[in-house]
Amino acid sequence: MEFDMLDQQIVHALRVDGRAGYREIGAVLGVSDQTVARRYRRLRENAGVRVVGLPNPIRLGYETWMLRLHTGPDVAMPLARALARRSDTSWVTLSSGGTEISCNVRVPAHADRESLLLEKLPRTPRLVSVNAHCLIHHFVGGAVGPDRRDDALTQAQIDTLTPAGVPAPPPPPYSHRGPGTVPGSAADPGDGPPAPLTVEDETLVEALSRDGRTGYAELSAATGWPESTVRRRMVELRRSGALYYDVEVKSFMFGFLAPVQLWLTVAPAHLAAVGQALTEHEEVVFAAATTGATNLVAIVVCRDMAAFYRYLTERVSGLDGVDRVESAPLLRHVKQLGSVTGVL
């Protein structure tokens, strides 16, 4: 499957507004709504493009932990599958030859820590080691906002597609209100507190995490709410930043064959500057400061391992304050953006 500029524009449009209609996207791109619908179906079927609606842990005050689990290769996949089935995990991946699992755990502020995954993991058989890092500051990716590869649309097109009440982010390079906060992104504090998620919202959020473009009739049937209530609640959650939309895509289908996770040890005096510098690297799709011996984690996506070598030696090596770098090629995603993939 070959991808052209129109495919890239559609993906970028969905990152701006995951629920934008085909006619709305077509009007902005200068094509028919049938063309957009046909391209989107092809992207879903062949490139794994999927829109998801997710609770924003930053705005909701959740803690996010990134775990590094080392285990034997024969039990890595069963453990990864077990982690993927948990509702509080996201981004469960296998790396380092299939002996390391990385996953994110979202911890609501009201959670009982004694019942958390962090307490149960040490009792898992054949688990060699566990390293837990709390993400203490997000620089790029996820709820913070788009990365530098989202450049297929003009600012005018972005403004047109941005839902009413949600500020549009500027084109790269981004001008931050504070380190790691893109204006108009889900992490942007905006003008008021987020609408808190309630028990009644769980069914709605679960449905949107499977498919962020689920129709209002289907959401009404799932929640038992009138369609008008569903629409109103989704607007409230989106405008307050409690809910955001993201787009999952298989990067290798676009010719990027080398996703790699980096664990950096950075001198504290340089941590903010290094994190900010990573937001300027188009290879970086996610970066955050963490607790632990390695205090900055990043995910980079390169064309191939030769390109990754150049990135490592030409760009990362020039960052002041980086004392040590660990790298682990990502072999397989077992869970992305909060939903399990087809490997289960």
C-alpha atoms as a PDB file:
ATOM      1  CA  MET A   1       0.000   0.000   0.000  1.00  0.00           C
ATOM      2  CA  GLU A   2       1.311   3.420  -0.977  1.00  0.00           C
ATOM      3  CA  PHE A   3       0.467   6.578   0.932  1.00  0.00           C
ATOM      4  CA  ASP A   4       0.290  10.027  -0.582  1.00  0.00           C
ATOM      5  CA  MET A   5      -0.130  13.544   0.782  1.00  0.00           C
ATOM      6  CA  LEU A   6      -3.909  13.205   0.979  1.00  0.00           C
ATOM      7  CA  ASP A   7      -3.535  10.191   3.303  1.00  0.00           C
ATOM      8  CA  GLN A   8      -1.165  12.184   5.506  1.00  0.00           C
ATOM      9  CA  GLN A   9      -3.561  15.141   5.535  1.00  0.00           C
ATOM     10  CA  ILE A  10      -6.454  12.932   6.604  1.00  0.00           C
ATOM     11  CA  VAL A  11      -4.409  11.463   9.471  1.00  0.00           C
ATOM     12  CA  HIS A  12      -3.347  14.954  10.550  1.00  0.00           C
ATOM     13  CA  ALA A  13      -6.968  16.156  10.341  1.00  0.00           C
ATOM     14  CA  LEU A  14      -8.052  13.324  12.622  1.00  0.00           C
ATOM     15  CA  ARG A  15      -5.380  14.306  15.142  1.00  0.00           C
ATOM     16  CA  VAL A  16      -6.869  17.797  15.206  1.00  0.00           C
ATOM     17  CA  ASP A  17     -10.417  16.487  15.617  1.00  0.00           C
ATOM     18  CA  GLY A  18     -10.877  12.746  15.847  1.00  0.00           C
ATOM     19  CA  ARG A  19     -14.625  13.074  15.294  1.00  0.00           C
ATOM     20  CA  ALA A  20     -14.538  15.479  12.346  1.00  0.00           C
ATOM     21  CA  GLY A  21     -17.038  14.438   9.670  1.00  0.00           C
ATOM     22  CA  TYR A  22     -15.981  13.249   6.228  1.00  0.00           C
ATOM     23  CA  ARG A  23     -17.702  16.239   4.640  1.00  0.00           C
ATOM     24  CA  GLU A  24     -15.951  18.630   7.017  1.00  0.00           C
ATOM     25  CA  ILE A  25     -12.536  17.111   6.314  1.00  0.00           C
ATOM     26  CA  GLY A  26     -13.226  17.003   2.578  1.00  0.00           C
ATOM     27  CA  ALA A  27     -14.187  20.679   2.505  1.00  0.00           C
ATOM     28  CA  VAL A  28     -10.910  21.634   4.172  1.00  0.00           C
ATOM     29  CA  LEU A  29      -8.813  19.393   1.893  1.00  0.00           C
ATOM     30  CA  GLY A  30     -10.678  20.220  -1.321  1.00  0.00           C
ATOM     31  CA  VAL A  31     -11.974  16.704  -2.013  1.00  0.00           C
ATOM     32  CA  SER A  32     -15.363  15.004  -1.740  1.00  0.00           C
ATOM     33  CA  ASP A  33     -16.648  13.406   1.434  1.00  0.00           C
ATOM     34  CA  GLN A  34     -16.813  10.072  -0.450  1.00  0.00           C
ATOM     35  CA  THR A  35     -13.085  10.327  -1.170  1.00  0.00           C
ATOM     36  CA  VAL A  36     -12.300  10.992   2.495  1.00  0.00           C
ATOM     37  CA  ALA A  37     -14.522   8.098   3.626  1.00  0.00           C
ATOM     38  CA  ARG A  38     -12.931   5.726   1.116  1.00  0.00           C
ATOM     39  CA  ARG A  39      -9.383   6.774   2.105  1.00  0.00           C
ATOM     40  CA  TYR A  40     -10.183   6.479   5.814  1.00  0.00           C
ATOM     41  CA  ARG A  41     -11.557   2.947   5.390  1.00  0.00           C
ATOM     42  CA  ARG A  42      -8.413   1.987   3.493  1.00  0.00           C
ATOM     43  CA  LEU A  43      -6.184   3.505   6.173  1.00  0.00           C
ATOM     44  CA  ARG A  44      -8.066   1.599   8.884  1.00  0.00           C
ATOM     45  CA  GLU A  45      -7.851  -1.717   7.073  1.00  0.00           C
ATOM     46  CA  ASN A  46      -4.288  -1.520   5.765  1.00  0.00           C
ATOM     47  CA  ALA A  47      -2.385   0.878   8.019  1.00  0.00           C
ATOM     48  CA  GLY A  48      -4.034   0.286  11.375  1.00  0.00           C
ATOM     49  CA  VAL A  49      -5.235   3.902  11.591  1.00  0.00           C
ATOM     50  CA  ARG A  50      -7.640   4.150  14.507  1.00  0.00           C
ATOM     51  CA  VAL A  51      -9.079   7.136  16.345  1.00  0.00           C
ATOM     52  CA  VAL A  52      -9.416   6.727  20.109  1.00  0.00           C
ATOM     53  CA  GLY A  53     -10.894   8.922  22.807  1.00  0.00           C
ATOM     54  CA  LEU A  54      -8.986   8.770  26.072  1.00  0.00           C
ATOM     55  CA  PRO A  55      -9.121  10.337  29.539  1.00  0.00           C
ATOM     56  CA  ASN A  56      -6.325  12.853  29.918  1.00  0.00           C
ATOM     57  CA  PRO A  57      -4.204  11.801  32.912  1.00  0.00           C
ATOM     58  CA  ILE A  58      -2.445  15.171  33.070  1.00  0.00           C
ATOM     59  CA  ARG A  59      -5.592  17.275  33.316  1.00  0.00           C
ATOM     60  CA  LEU A  60      -7.340  14.784  35.597  1.00  0.00           C
ATOM     61  CA  GLY A  61      -4.420  14.651  38.021  1.00  0.00           C
ATOM     62  CA  TYR A  62      -3.657  10.957  37.494  1.00  0.00           C
ATOM     63  CA  GLU A  63      -0.202   9.569  38.066  1.00  0.00           C
ATOM     64  CA  THR A  64       1.344   7.723  35.136  1.00  0.00           C
ATOM     65  CA  TRP A  65       3.972   5.075  35.811  1.00  0.00           C
ATOM     66  CA  MET A  66       6.197   3.480  33.211  1.00  0.00           C
ATOM     67  CA  LEU A  67       7.331  -0.029  34.097  1.00  0.00           C
ATOM     68  CA  ARG A  68      10.316  -1.933  32.723  1.00  0.00           C
ATOM     69  CA  LEU A  69       9.917  -5.650  33.294  1.00  0.00           C
ATOM     70  CA  HIS A  70      12.659  -8.162  32.517  1.00  0.00           C
ATOM     71  CA  THR A  71      11.654 -11.778  32.172  1.00  0.00           C
ATOM     72  CA  GLY A  72      12.442 -14.973  30.332  1.00  0.00           C
ATOM     73  CA  PRO A  73      11.508 -15.002  26.619  1.00  0.00           C
ATOM     74  CA  ASP A  74       9.107 -17.917  27.116  1.00  0.00           C
ATOM     75  CA  VAL A  75       6.909 -15.978  29.555  1.00  0.00           C
ATOM     76  CA  ALA A  76       7.250 -12.464  28.123  1.00  0.00           C
ATOM     77  CA  MET A  77       4.262 -12.701  25.781  1.00  0.00           C
ATOM     78  CA  PRO A  78       1.858 -14.322  28.303  1.00  0.00           C
ATOM     79  CA  LEU A  79       2.790 -11.634  30.853  1.00  0.00           C
ATOM     80  CA  ALA A  80       2.402  -8.873  28.246  1.00  0.00           C
ATOM     81  CA  ARG A  81      -1.038 -10.208  27.346  1.00  0.00           C
ATOM     82  CA  ALA A  82      -2.061 -10.283  31.001  1.00  0.00           C
ATOM     83  CA  LEU A  83      -0.915  -6.674  31.406  1.00  0.00           C
ATOM     84  CA  ALA A  84      -2.752  -5.620  28.242  1.00  0.00           C
ATOM     85  CA  ARG A  85      -6.028  -6.951  29.595  1.00  0.00           C
ATOM     86  CA  ARG A  86      -5.851  -4.625  32.593  1.00  0.00           C
ATOM     87  CA  SER A  87      -7.920  -1.455  32.308  1.00  0.00           C
ATOM     88  CA  ASP A  88      -5.224   0.696  33.936  1.00  0.00           C
ATOM     89  CA  THR A  89      -2.436  -0.104  31.440  1.00  0.00           C
ATOM     90  CA  SER A  90      -1.497   1.364  28.082  1.00  0.00           C
ATOM     91  CA  TRP A  91       1.392   1.035  25.637  1.00  0.00           C
ATOM     92  CA  VAL A  92       2.346  -2.538  26.472  1.00  0.00           C
ATOM     93  CA  THR A  93       5.287  -3.399  24.229  1.00  0.00           C
ATOM     94  CA  LEU A  94       7.924  -6.090  23.832  1.00  0.00           C
ATOM     95  CA  SER A  95      11.502  -4.990  23.263  1.00  0.00           C
ATOM     96  CA  SER A  96      15.140  -6.061  23.644  1.00  0.00           C
ATOM     97  CA  GLY A  97      14.809  -9.378  21.849  1.00  0.00           C
ATOM     98  CA  GLY A  98      11.544 -10.208  23.564  1.00  0.00           C
ATOM     99  CA  THR A  99      12.893 -10.263  27.120  1.00  0.00           C
ATOM    100  CA  GLU A 100      11.784  -6.783  28.210  1.00  0.00           C
ATOM    101  CA  ILE A 101       8.250  -5.459  28.577  1.00  0.00           C
ATOM    102  CA  SER A 102       7.454  -1.780  28.831  1.00  0.00           C
ATOM    103  CA  CYS A 103       4.038  -0.569  29.871  1.00  0.00           C
ATOM    104  CA  ASN A 104       2.328   2.511  31.215  1.00  0.00           C
ATOM    105  CA  VAL A 105       0.026   2.368  34.225  1.00  0.00           C
ATOM    106  CA  ARG A 106      -2.501   5.134  34.930  1.00  0.00           C
ATOM    107  CA  VAL A 107      -3.216   5.651  38.607  1.00  0.00           C
ATOM    108  CA  PRO A 108      -6.245   7.799  39.536  1.00  0.00           C
ATOM    109  CA  ALA A 109      -5.662  10.181  42.410  1.00  0.00           C
ATOM    110  CA  HIS A 110      -8.214   8.326  44.567  1.00  0.00           C
ATOM    111  CA  ALA A 111      -6.775   4.835  43.897  1.00  0.00           C
ATOM    112  CA  ASP A 112      -5.882   2.495  46.733  1.00  0.00           C
ATOM    113  CA  ARG A 113      -2.161   2.063  46.305  1.00  0.00           C
ATOM    114  CA  GLU A 114      -2.152  -1.299  48.085  1.00  0.00           C
ATOM    115  CA  SER A 115      -4.209  -2.795  45.255  1.00  0.00           C
ATOM    116  CA  LEU A 116      -2.147  -1.361  42.427  1.00  0.00           C
ATOM    117  CA  LEU A 117      -0.200  -3.233  39.805  1.00  0.00           C
ATOM    118  CA  LEU A 118       3.030  -2.114  41.439  1.00  0.00           C
ATOM    119  CA  GLU A 119       2.165  -4.236  44.502  1.00  0.00           C
ATOM    120  CA  LYS A 120       1.184  -7.349  42.539  1.00  0.00           C
ATOM    121  CA  LEU A 121       3.930  -7.557  39.940  1.00  0.00           C
ATOM    122  CA  PRO A 122       6.766  -8.778  42.210  1.00  0.00           C
ATOM    123  CA  ARG A 123       4.807 -12.011  42.813  1.00  0.00           C
ATOM    124  CA  THR A 124       4.634 -12.828  39.086  1.00  0.00           C
ATOM    125  CA  PRO A 125       6.561 -16.079  38.325  1.00  0.00           C
ATOM    126  CA  ARG A 126       9.740 -15.847  36.204  1.00  0.00           C
ATOM    127  CA  LEU A 127       9.893 -12.085  36.597  1.00  0.00           C
ATOM    128  CA  VAL A 128      13.593 -11.204  36.779  1.00  0.00           C
ATOM    129  CA  SER A 129      13.361  -7.513  37.656  1.00  0.00           C
ATOM    130  CA  VAL A 130      10.975  -4.564  37.832  1.00  0.00           C
ATOM    131  CA  ASN A 131      11.870  -0.898  37.417  1.00  0.00           C
ATOM    132  CA  ALA A 132       9.092   1.617  38.006  1.00  0.00           C
ATOM    133  CA  HIS A 133       9.389   5.216  36.859  1.00  0.00           C
ATOM    134  CA  CYS A 134       6.772   7.864  37.609  1.00  0.00           C
ATOM    135  CA  LEU A 135       6.315  10.322  34.736  1.00  0.00           C
ATOM    136  CA  ILE A 136       6.718  13.713  36.347  1.00  0.00           C
ATOM    137  CA  HIS A 137       6.669  15.985  33.292  1.00  0.00           C
ATOM    138  CA  HIS A 138       5.494  15.439  29.702  1.00  0.00           C
ATOM    139  CA  PHE A 139       7.372  17.152  26.888  1.00  0.00           C
ATOM    140  CA  VAL A 140       5.806  15.765  23.719  1.00  0.00           C
ATOM    141  CA  GLY A 141       3.358  13.111  22.595  1.00  0.00           C
ATOM    142  CA  GLY A 142       0.074  11.710  23.851  1.00  0.00           C
ATOM    143  CA  ALA A 143      -2.100  14.173  25.748  1.00  0.00           C
ATOM    144  CA  VAL A 144       0.536  16.912  25.458  1.00  0.00           C
ATOM    145  CA  GLY A 145      -0.091  17.380  21.760  1.00  0.00           C
ATOM    146  CA  PRO A 146       1.145  16.566  18.266  1.00  0.00           C
ATOM    147  CA  ASP A 147       4.718  15.797  17.374  1.00  0.00           C
ATOM    148  CA  ARG A 148       6.679  17.509  14.607  1.00  0.00           C
ATOM    149  CA  ARG A 149       5.585  15.014  11.959  1.00  0.00           C
ATOM    150  CA  ASP A 150       2.069  16.456  12.083  1.00  0.00           C
ATOM    151  CA  ASP A 151       2.797  19.002   9.376  1.00  0.00           C
ATOM    152  CA  ALA A 152       0.497  17.995   6.511  1.00  0.00           C
ATOM    153  CA  LEU A 153      -2.035  20.771   7.180  1.00  0.00           C
ATOM    154  CA  THR A 154      -1.679  24.527   7.102  1.00  0.00           C
ATOM    155  CA  GLN A 155      -2.504  26.598  10.160  1.00  0.00           C
ATOM    156  CA  ALA A 156      -5.661  27.837   8.440  1.00  0.00           C
ATOM    157  CA  GLN A 157      -6.793  24.255   7.871  1.00  0.00           C
ATOM    158  CA  ILE A 158      -6.048  23.386  11.505  1.00  0.00           C
ATOM    159  CA  ASP A 159      -8.052  26.383  12.693  1.00  0.00           C
ATOM    160  CA  THR A 160     -11.023  25.375  10.546  1.00  0.00           C
ATOM    161  CA  LEU A 161     -11.024  21.780  11.815  1.00  0.00           C
ATOM    162  CA  THR A 162     -10.533  22.628  15.486  1.00  0.00           C
ATOM    163  CA  PRO A 163     -13.826  22.169  17.400  1.00  0.00           C
ATOM    164  CA  ALA A 164     -15.457  25.260  18.859  1.00  0.00           C
ATOM    165  CA  GLY A 165     -14.174  25.999  22.334  1.00  0.00           C
ATOM    166  CA  VAL A 166     -10.930  24.070  21.848  1.00  0.00           C
ATOM    167  CA  PRO A 167      -7.938  26.348  21.058  1.00  0.00           C
ATOM    168  CA  ALA A 168      -5.943  25.271  17.998  1.00  0.00           C
ATOM    169  CA  PRO A 169      -2.223  24.576  18.477  1.00  0.00           C
ATOM    170  CA  PRO A 170       0.213  26.505  16.305  1.00  0.00           C
ATOM    171  CA  PRO A 171       2.218  24.651  13.652  1.00  0.00           C
ATOM    172  CA  PRO A 172       5.683  23.295  14.583  1.00  0.00           C
ATOM    173  CA  PRO A 173       7.915  24.525  16.054  1.00  0.00           C
ATOM    174  CA  TYR A 174       5.499  24.934  18.926  1.00  0.00           C
ATOM    175  CA  SER A 175       5.462  27.924  21.244  1.00  0.00           C
ATOM    176  CA  HIS A 176       4.853  26.574  24.740  1.00  0.00           C
ATOM    177  CA  ARG A 177       3.013  28.260  27.604  1.00  0.00           C
ATOM    178  CA  GLY A 178       5.264  26.209  29.823  1.00  0.00           C
ATOM    179  CA  PRO A 179       7.726  23.374  29.204  1.00  0.00           C
ATOM    180  CA  GLY A 180       5.921  20.490  27.571  1.00  0.00           C
ATOM    181  CA  THR A 181       2.488  22.135  27.226  1.00  0.00           C
ATOM    182  CA  VAL A 182       1.226  22.900  23.714  1.00  0.00           C
ATOM    183  CA  PRO A 183      -1.480  25.584  23.653  1.00  0.00           C
ATOM    184  CA  GLY A 184      -4.723  23.951  22.594  1.00  0.00           C
ATOM    185  CA  SER A 185      -3.568  20.453  23.520  1.00  0.00           C
ATOM    186  CA  ALA A 186      -5.299  18.312  26.100  1.00  0.00           C
ATOM    187  CA  ALA A 187      -2.578  19.205  28.608  1.00  0.00           C
ATOM    188  CA  ASP A 188      -3.164  22.919  28.240  1.00  0.00           C
ATOM    189  CA  PRO A 189      -4.866  24.131  31.456  1.00  0.00           C
ATOM    190  CA  GLY A 190      -7.204  26.358  29.441  1.00  0.00           C
ATOM    191  CA  ASP A 191      -9.583  28.608  31.344  1.00  0.00           C
ATOM    192  CA  GLY A 192     -10.920  26.323  34.050  1.00  0.00           C
ATOM    193  CA  PRO A 193     -10.756  22.957  35.793  1.00  0.00           C
ATOM    194  CA  PRO A 194     -11.514  19.765  33.825  1.00  0.00           C
ATOM    195  CA  ALA A 195     -14.926  18.181  34.055  1.00  0.00           C
ATOM    196  CA  PRO A 196     -14.225  15.244  36.411  1.00  0.00           C
ATOM    197  CA  LEU A 197     -14.957  11.765  35.105  1.00  0.00           C
ATOM    198  CA  THR A 198     -17.755  10.046  36.993  1.00  0.00           C
ATOM    199  CA  VAL A 199     -18.767   6.422  37.347  1.00  0.00           C
ATOM    200  CA  GLU A 200     -21.515   7.121  34.808  1.00  0.00           C
ATOM    201  CA  ASP A 201     -18.851   8.171  32.261  1.00  0.00           C
ATOM    202  CA  GLU A 202     -17.045   4.814  32.352  1.00  0.00           C
ATOM    203  CA  THR A 203     -19.153   3.154  29.648  1.00  0.00           C
ATOM    204  CA  LEU A 204     -18.837   6.194  27.390  1.00  0.00           C
ATOM    205  CA  VAL A 205     -15.055   6.399  27.788  1.00  0.00           C
ATOM    206  CA  GLU A 206     -14.661   2.655  27.294  1.00  0.00           C
ATOM    207  CA  ALA A 207     -16.561   2.820  24.002  1.00  0.00           C
ATOM    208  CA  LEU A 208     -14.502   5.786  22.795  1.00  0.00           C
ATOM    209  CA  SER A 209     -11.243   4.036  23.733  1.00  0.00           C
ATOM    210  CA  ARG A 210     -12.184   1.269  21.306  1.00  0.00           C
ATOM    211  CA  ASP A 211     -13.254   3.618  18.525  1.00  0.00           C
ATOM    212  CA  GLY A 212     -13.270   7.365  18.999  1.00  0.00           C
ATOM    213  CA  ARG A 213     -15.527   7.765  15.950  1.00  0.00           C
ATOM    214  CA  THR A 214     -18.352   5.599  17.298  1.00  0.00           C
ATOM    215  CA  GLY A 215     -21.666   7.138  16.293  1.00  0.00           C
ATOM    216  CA  TYR A 216     -23.908   8.927  18.753  1.00  0.00           C
ATOM    217  CA  ALA A 217     -26.671   6.347  18.280  1.00  0.00           C
ATOM    218  CA  GLU A 218     -24.286   3.541  19.259  1.00  0.00           C
ATOM    219  CA  LEU A 219     -22.968   5.540  22.212  1.00  0.00           C
ATOM    220  CA  SER A 220     -26.515   6.225  23.315  1.00  0.00           C
ATOM    221  CA  ALA A 221     -27.315   2.512  23.203  1.00  0.00           C
ATOM    222  CA  ALA A 222     -24.151   1.657  25.143  1.00  0.00           C
ATOM    223  CA  THR A 223     -24.675   4.246  27.894  1.00  0.00           C
ATOM    224  CA  GLY A 224     -28.445   4.244  28.078  1.00  0.00           C
ATOM    225  CA  TRP A 225     -28.400   8.050  27.708  1.00  0.00           C
ATOM    226  CA  PRO A 226     -30.364  10.080  25.152  1.00  0.00           C
ATOM    227  CA  GLU A 227     -28.238  11.132  22.183  1.00  0.00           C
ATOM    228  CA  SER A 228     -28.539  14.763  23.282  1.00  0.00           C
ATOM    229  CA  THR A 229     -27.023  13.862  26.659  1.00  0.00           C
ATOM    230  CA  VAL A 230     -24.173  11.954  24.996  1.00  0.00           C
ATOM    231  CA  ARG A 231     -23.380  14.913  22.736  1.00  0.00           C
ATOM    232  CA  ARG A 232     -23.494  17.400  25.588  1.00  0.00           C
ATOM    233  CA  ARG A 233     -21.298  15.289  27.864  1.00  0.00           C
ATOM    234  CA  MET A 234     -18.691  14.700  25.150  1.00  0.00           C
ATOM    235  CA  VAL A 235     -18.491  18.438  24.472  1.00  0.00           C
ATOM    236  CA  GLU A 236     -18.056  19.130  28.200  1.00  0.00           C
ATOM    237  CA  LEU A 237     -15.274  16.564  28.551  1.00  0.00           C
ATOM    238  CA  ARG A 238     -13.458  17.698  25.418  1.00  0.00           C
ATOM    239  CA  ARG A 239     -13.594  21.426  26.084  1.00  0.00           C
ATOM    240  CA  SER A 240     -12.407  21.002  29.672  1.00  0.00           C
ATOM    241  CA  GLY A 241      -9.498  18.791  28.567  1.00  0.00           C
ATOM    242  CA  ALA A 242     -10.657  15.733  30.531  1.00  0.00           C
ATOM    243  CA  LEU A 243     -11.040  13.815  27.250  1.00  0.00           C
ATOM    244  CA  TYR A 244      -8.759  13.972  24.226  1.00  0.00           C
ATOM    245  CA  TYR A 245      -8.527  12.181  20.892  1.00  0.00           C
ATOM    246  CA  ASP A 246      -5.481  10.538  19.420  1.00  0.00           C
ATOM    247  CA  VAL A 247      -4.748   8.531  16.295  1.00  0.00           C
ATOM    248  CA  GLU A 248      -3.073   5.158  16.342  1.00  0.00           C
ATOM    249  CA  VAL A 249      -1.123   4.182  13.232  1.00  0.00           C
ATOM    250  CA  LYS A 250       1.309   1.462  12.220  1.00  0.00           C
ATOM    251  CA  SER A 251       4.406   3.534  11.532  1.00  0.00           C
ATOM    252  CA  PHE A 252       6.049   0.823   9.433  1.00  0.00           C
ATOM    253  CA  MET A 253       3.253   1.186   6.862  1.00  0.00           C
ATOM    254  CA  PHE A 254       4.500   4.736   6.274  1.00  0.00           C
ATOM    255  CA  GLY A 255       8.090   3.554   5.839  1.00  0.00           C
ATOM    256  CA  PHE A 256       9.354   4.036   9.410  1.00  0.00           C
ATOM    257  CA  LEU A 257      10.831   0.674  10.357  1.00  0.00           C
ATOM    258  CA  ALA A 258      12.864   1.472  13.465  1.00  0.00           C
ATOM    259  CA  PRO A 259      10.871   2.438  16.588  1.00  0.00           C
ATOM    260  CA  VAL A 260      13.246   2.600  19.554  1.00  0.00           C
ATOM    261  CA  GLN A 261      12.766   3.442  23.214  1.00  0.00           C
ATOM    262  CA  LEU A 262      15.453   5.572  24.832  1.00  0.00           C
ATOM    263  CA  TRP A 263      16.227   5.825  28.531  1.00  0.00           C
ATOM    264  CA  LEU A 264      18.460   8.819  29.231  1.00  0.00           C
ATOM    265  CA  THR A 265      20.372   9.786  32.350  1.00  0.00           C
ATOM    266  CA  VAL A 266      20.507  13.586  32.386  1.00  0.00           C
ATOM    267  CA  ALA A 267      22.074  15.946  34.903  1.00  0.00           C
ATOM    268  CA  PRO A 268      19.188  17.652  36.784  1.00  0.00           C
ATOM    269  CA  ALA A 269      20.402  21.101  35.812  1.00  0.00           C
ATOM    270  CA  HIS A 270      19.992  20.156  32.127  1.00  0.00           C
ATOM    271  CA  LEU A 271      16.835  18.039  32.325  1.00  0.00           C
ATOM    272  CA  ALA A 272      14.376  20.743  31.230  1.00  0.00           C
ATOM    273  CA  ALA A 273      16.627  21.909  28.402  1.00  0.00           C
ATOM    274  CA  VAL A 274      17.198  18.386  27.086  1.00  0.00           C
ATOM    275  CA  GLY A 275      13.487  17.602  27.224  1.00  0.00           C
ATOM    276  CA  GLN A 276      12.680  20.805  25.390  1.00  0.00           C
ATOM    277  CA  ALA A 277      15.340  20.031  22.781  1.00  0.00           C
ATOM    278  CA  LEU A 278      13.699  16.667  22.103  1.00  0.00           C
ATOM    279  CA  THR A 279      10.452  18.428  21.160  1.00  0.00           C
ATOM    280  CA  GLU A 280      12.367  19.908  18.221  1.00  0.00           C
ATOM    281  CA  HIS A 281      13.429  16.478  16.916  1.00  0.00           C
ATOM    282  CA  GLU A 282      11.033  15.092  14.307  1.00  0.00           C
ATOM    283  CA  GLU A 283      12.142  11.556  15.217  1.00  0.00           C
ATOM    284  CA  VAL A 284      10.714  11.914  18.740  1.00  0.00           C
ATOM    285  CA  VAL A 285       7.042  10.956  19.135  1.00  0.00           C
ATOM    286  CA  PHE A 286       7.036  10.862  22.937  1.00  0.00           C
ATOM    287  CA  ALA A 287       9.257  12.248  25.688  1.00  0.00           C
ATOM    288  CA  ALA A 288       8.821  12.688  29.449  1.00  0.00           C
ATOM    289  CA  ALA A 289      10.896  13.304  32.551  1.00  0.00           C
ATOM    290  CA  THR A 290      10.725  10.487  35.092  1.00  0.00           C
ATOM    291  CA  THR A 291      11.826   9.435  38.522  1.00  0.00           C
ATOM    292  CA  GLY A 292      14.571   6.843  38.810  1.00  0.00           C
ATOM    293  CA  ALA A 293      18.207   6.367  37.840  1.00  0.00           C
ATOM    294  CA  THR A 294      17.324   7.137  34.215  1.00  0.00           C
ATOM    295  CA  ASN A 295      15.322  10.322  34.399  1.00  0.00           C
ATOM    296  CA  LEU A 296      14.103  10.897  30.842  1.00  0.00           C
ATOM    297  CA  VAL A 297      12.313   8.462  28.541  1.00  0.00           C
ATOM    298  CA  ALA A 298      11.669   8.960  24.840  1.00  0.00           C
ATOM    299  CA  ILE A 299      10.309   6.981  21.923  1.00  0.00           C
ATOM    300  CA  VAL A 300      11.857   7.730  18.549  1.00  0.00           C
ATOM    301  CA  VAL A 301      10.761   6.458  15.159  1.00  0.00           C
ATOM    302  CA  CYS A 302      13.325   6.332  12.357  1.00  0.00           C
ATOM    303  CA  ARG A 303      13.335   5.026   8.797  1.00  0.00           C
ATOM    304  CA  ASP A 304      15.733   2.217   9.665  1.00  0.00           C
ATOM    305  CA  MET A 305      18.451   1.368  12.166  1.00  0.00           C
ATOM    306  CA  ALA A 306      21.061   3.218  10.097  1.00  0.00           C
ATOM    307  CA  ALA A 307      18.946   6.357  10.462  1.00  0.00           C
ATOM    308  CA  PHE A 308      18.652   5.673  14.189  1.00  0.00           C
ATOM    309  CA  TYR A 309      22.450   5.453  14.405  1.00  0.00           C
ATOM    310  CA  ARG A 310      22.736   8.856  12.756  1.00  0.00           C
ATOM    311  CA  TYR A 311      20.111  10.295  15.080  1.00  0.00           C
ATOM    312  CA  LEU A 312      21.902   8.930  18.128  1.00  0.00           C
ATOM    313  CA  THR A 313      25.381  10.054  17.116  1.00  0.00           C
ATOM    314  CA  GLU A 314      24.523  13.357  15.479  1.00  0.00           C
ATOM    315  CA  ARG A 315      21.627  14.728  17.529  1.00  0.00           C
ATOM    316  CA  VAL A 316      21.427  13.045  20.941  1.00  0.00           C
ATOM    317  CA  SER A 317      25.204  13.145  21.366  1.00  0.00           C
ATOM    318  CA  GLY A 318      25.155  16.921  21.035  1.00  0.00           C
ATOM    319  CA  LEU A 319      22.774  17.508  23.960  1.00  0.00           C
ATOM    320  CA  ASP A 320      24.542  18.993  26.956  1.00  0.00           C
ATOM    321  CA  GLY A 321      23.944  17.154  30.203  1.00  0.00           C
ATOM    322  CA  VAL A 322      23.187  13.691  28.774  1.00  0.00           C
ATOM    323  CA  ASP A 323      25.473  11.340  30.695  1.00  0.00           C
ATOM    324  CA  ARG A 324      24.163   7.969  29.548  1.00  0.00           C
ATOM    325  CA  VAL A 325      21.737   6.525  26.980  1.00  0.00           C
ATOM    326  CA  GLU A 326      20.083   3.102  26.898  1.00  0.00           C
ATOM    327  CA  SER A 327      18.207   2.026  23.777  1.00  0.00           C
ATOM    328  CA  ALA A 328      15.766  -0.819  23.193  1.00  0.00           C
ATOM    329  CA  PRO A 329      14.203  -1.528  19.778  1.00  0.00           C
ATOM    330  CA  LEU A 330      10.441  -1.988  20.070  1.00  0.00           C
ATOM    331  CA  LEU A 331       9.573  -5.369  18.587  1.00  0.00           C
ATOM    332  CA  ARG A 332       5.818  -5.594  19.027  1.00  0.00           C
ATOM    333  CA  HIS A 333       2.974  -3.525  20.412  1.00  0.00           C
ATOM    334  CA  VAL A 334       0.626  -5.667  22.470  1.00  0.00           C
ATOM    335  CA  LYS A 335      -1.477  -2.685  23.495  1.00  0.00           C
ATOM    336  CA  GLN A 336      -1.541   0.821  22.090  1.00  0.00           C
ATOM    337  CA  LEU A 337      -3.373   3.916  23.308  1.00  0.00           C
ATOM    338  CA  GLY A 338      -5.287   1.929  25.870  1.00  0.00           C
ATOM    339  CA  SER A 339      -6.704  -0.804  23.575  1.00  0.00           C
ATOM    340  CA  VAL A 340      -5.323  -4.245  22.851  1.00  0.00           C
ATOM    341  CA  THR A 341      -4.045  -5.043  19.359  1.00  0.00           C
ATOM    342  CA  GLY A 342      -4.737  -8.068  17.244  1.00  0.00           C
ATOM    343  CA  VAL A 343      -1.887 -10.145  18.688  1.00  0.00           C
ATOM    344  CA  LEU A 344      -3.930 -11.306  21.680  1.00  0.00           C
END
